[in-house]
């Protein structure tokens, strides 16, 4: 799978998730890691539901 195709798939998944959340939950804030991929996904959801997005470096993945 190419990088472009992976990005396109990620956008589709984020949009699908955003639609589901909007239809099933009352969201006021979305919290996301400050890492680009997570923040872009969180922003997509926040925009769809009309919520504020909050960047939080404490939500980064931890490997160990």
C-alpha atoms as a PDB file:
ATOM      1  CA  UNK A   1       0.000   0.000   0.000  1.00  0.00           C
ATOM      2  CA  UNK A   2       1.355   3.408  -0.915  1.00  0.00           C
ATOM      3  CA  UNK A   3       1.717   6.224   1.606  1.00  0.00           C
ATOM      4  CA  UNK A   4      -0.890   8.273  -0.276  1.00  0.00           C
ATOM      5  CA  UNK A   5      -3.383   5.394  -0.180  1.00  0.00           C
ATOM      6  CA  UNK A   6      -2.733   4.896   3.541  1.00  0.00           C
ATOM      7  CA  UNK A   7      -3.398   8.592   4.175  1.00  0.00           C
ATOM      8  CA  UNK A   8      -6.599   8.464   2.105  1.00  0.00           C
ATOM      9  CA  UNK A   9      -7.768   5.429   4.079  1.00  0.00           C
ATOM     10  CA  UNK A  10      -6.988   7.204   7.354  1.00  0.00           C
ATOM     11  CA  UNK A  11      -9.043  10.236   6.308  1.00  0.00           C
ATOM     12  CA  UNK A  12     -11.981   8.012   5.341  1.00  0.00           C
ATOM     13  CA  UNK A  13     -11.762   6.202   8.685  1.00  0.00           C
ATOM     14  CA  UNK A  14     -11.634   9.510  10.592  1.00  0.00           C
ATOM     15  CA  UNK A  15     -14.657  10.847   8.700  1.00  0.00           C
ATOM     16  CA  UNK A  16     -16.605   7.634   9.306  1.00  0.00           C
ATOM     17  CA  UNK A  17     -15.742   7.732  13.004  1.00  0.00           C
ATOM     18  CA  UNK A  18     -16.693  11.412  13.216  1.00  0.00           C
ATOM     19  CA  UNK A  19     -20.086  10.715  11.666  1.00  0.00           C
ATOM     20  CA  UNK A  20     -20.746   7.867  14.106  1.00  0.00           C
ATOM     21  CA  UNK A  21     -19.735   9.972  17.108  1.00  0.00           C
ATOM     22  CA  UNK A  22     -21.886  12.897  15.956  1.00  0.00           C
ATOM     23  CA  UNK A  23     -24.928  10.640  15.573  1.00  0.00           C
ATOM     24  CA  UNK A  24     -24.488   8.796  18.882  1.00  0.00           C
ATOM     25  CA  UNK A  25     -22.808  11.088  21.408  1.00  0.00           C
ATOM     26  CA  UNK A  26     -23.014  14.632  22.738  1.00  0.00           C
ATOM     27  CA  UNK A  27     -19.383  15.788  22.597  1.00  0.00           C
ATOM     28  CA  UNK A  28     -18.125  19.117  23.946  1.00  0.00           C
ATOM     29  CA  UNK A  29     -14.359  18.574  23.778  1.00  0.00           C
ATOM     30  CA  UNK A  30     -12.026  16.270  21.909  1.00  0.00           C
ATOM     31  CA  UNK A  31      -8.606  15.543  23.405  1.00  0.00           C
ATOM     32  CA  UNK A  32      -5.761  14.488  21.126  1.00  0.00           C
ATOM     33  CA  UNK A  33      -2.038  14.002  21.290  1.00  0.00           C
ATOM     34  CA  UNK A  34       0.077  16.790  19.885  1.00  0.00           C
ATOM     35  CA  UNK A  35       1.479  14.385  17.297  1.00  0.00           C
ATOM     36  CA  UNK A  36       0.310  15.362  13.821  1.00  0.00           C
ATOM     37  CA  UNK A  37      -1.576  12.198  12.855  1.00  0.00           C
ATOM     38  CA  UNK A  38      -3.515  12.055  16.117  1.00  0.00           C
ATOM     39  CA  UNK A  39      -4.239  15.773  16.096  1.00  0.00           C
ATOM     40  CA  UNK A  40      -5.500  15.698  12.490  1.00  0.00           C
ATOM     41  CA  UNK A  41      -7.809  12.801  13.330  1.00  0.00           C
ATOM     42  CA  UNK A  42      -9.043  14.543  16.466  1.00  0.00           C
ATOM     43  CA  UNK A  43      -9.586  17.762  14.522  1.00  0.00           C
ATOM     44  CA  UNK A  44     -11.711  15.941  11.960  1.00  0.00           C
ATOM     45  CA  UNK A  45     -13.916  14.599  14.737  1.00  0.00           C
ATOM     46  CA  UNK A  46     -14.059  17.910  16.605  1.00  0.00           C
ATOM     47  CA  UNK A  47     -15.081  19.769  13.447  1.00  0.00           C
ATOM     48  CA  UNK A  48     -17.814  17.239  12.636  1.00  0.00           C
ATOM     49  CA  UNK A  49     -19.369  17.453  16.097  1.00  0.00           C
ATOM     50  CA  UNK A  50     -18.809  21.186  16.606  1.00  0.00           C
ATOM     51  CA  UNK A  51     -16.525  20.648  19.588  1.00  0.00           C
ATOM     52  CA  UNK A  52     -13.335  22.231  20.844  1.00  0.00           C
ATOM     53  CA  UNK A  53     -10.103  20.261  20.346  1.00  0.00           C
ATOM     54  CA  UNK A  54      -7.494  20.190  23.076  1.00  0.00           C
ATOM     55  CA  UNK A  55      -3.864  19.253  22.330  1.00  0.00           C
ATOM     56  CA  UNK A  56      -2.241  17.211  25.096  1.00  0.00           C
ATOM     57  CA  UNK A  57       1.323  15.877  24.827  1.00  0.00           C
ATOM     58  CA  UNK A  58       0.502  13.538  27.713  1.00  0.00           C
ATOM     59  CA  UNK A  59      -1.620  11.466  25.313  1.00  0.00           C
ATOM     60  CA  UNK A  60       1.354  10.423  23.165  1.00  0.00           C
ATOM     61  CA  UNK A  61       1.942   6.703  22.703  1.00  0.00           C
ATOM     62  CA  UNK A  62       4.295   5.126  25.202  1.00  0.00           C
ATOM     63  CA  UNK A  63       6.508   2.303  24.007  1.00  0.00           C
ATOM     64  CA  UNK A  64       8.366   0.224  26.468  1.00  0.00           C
END
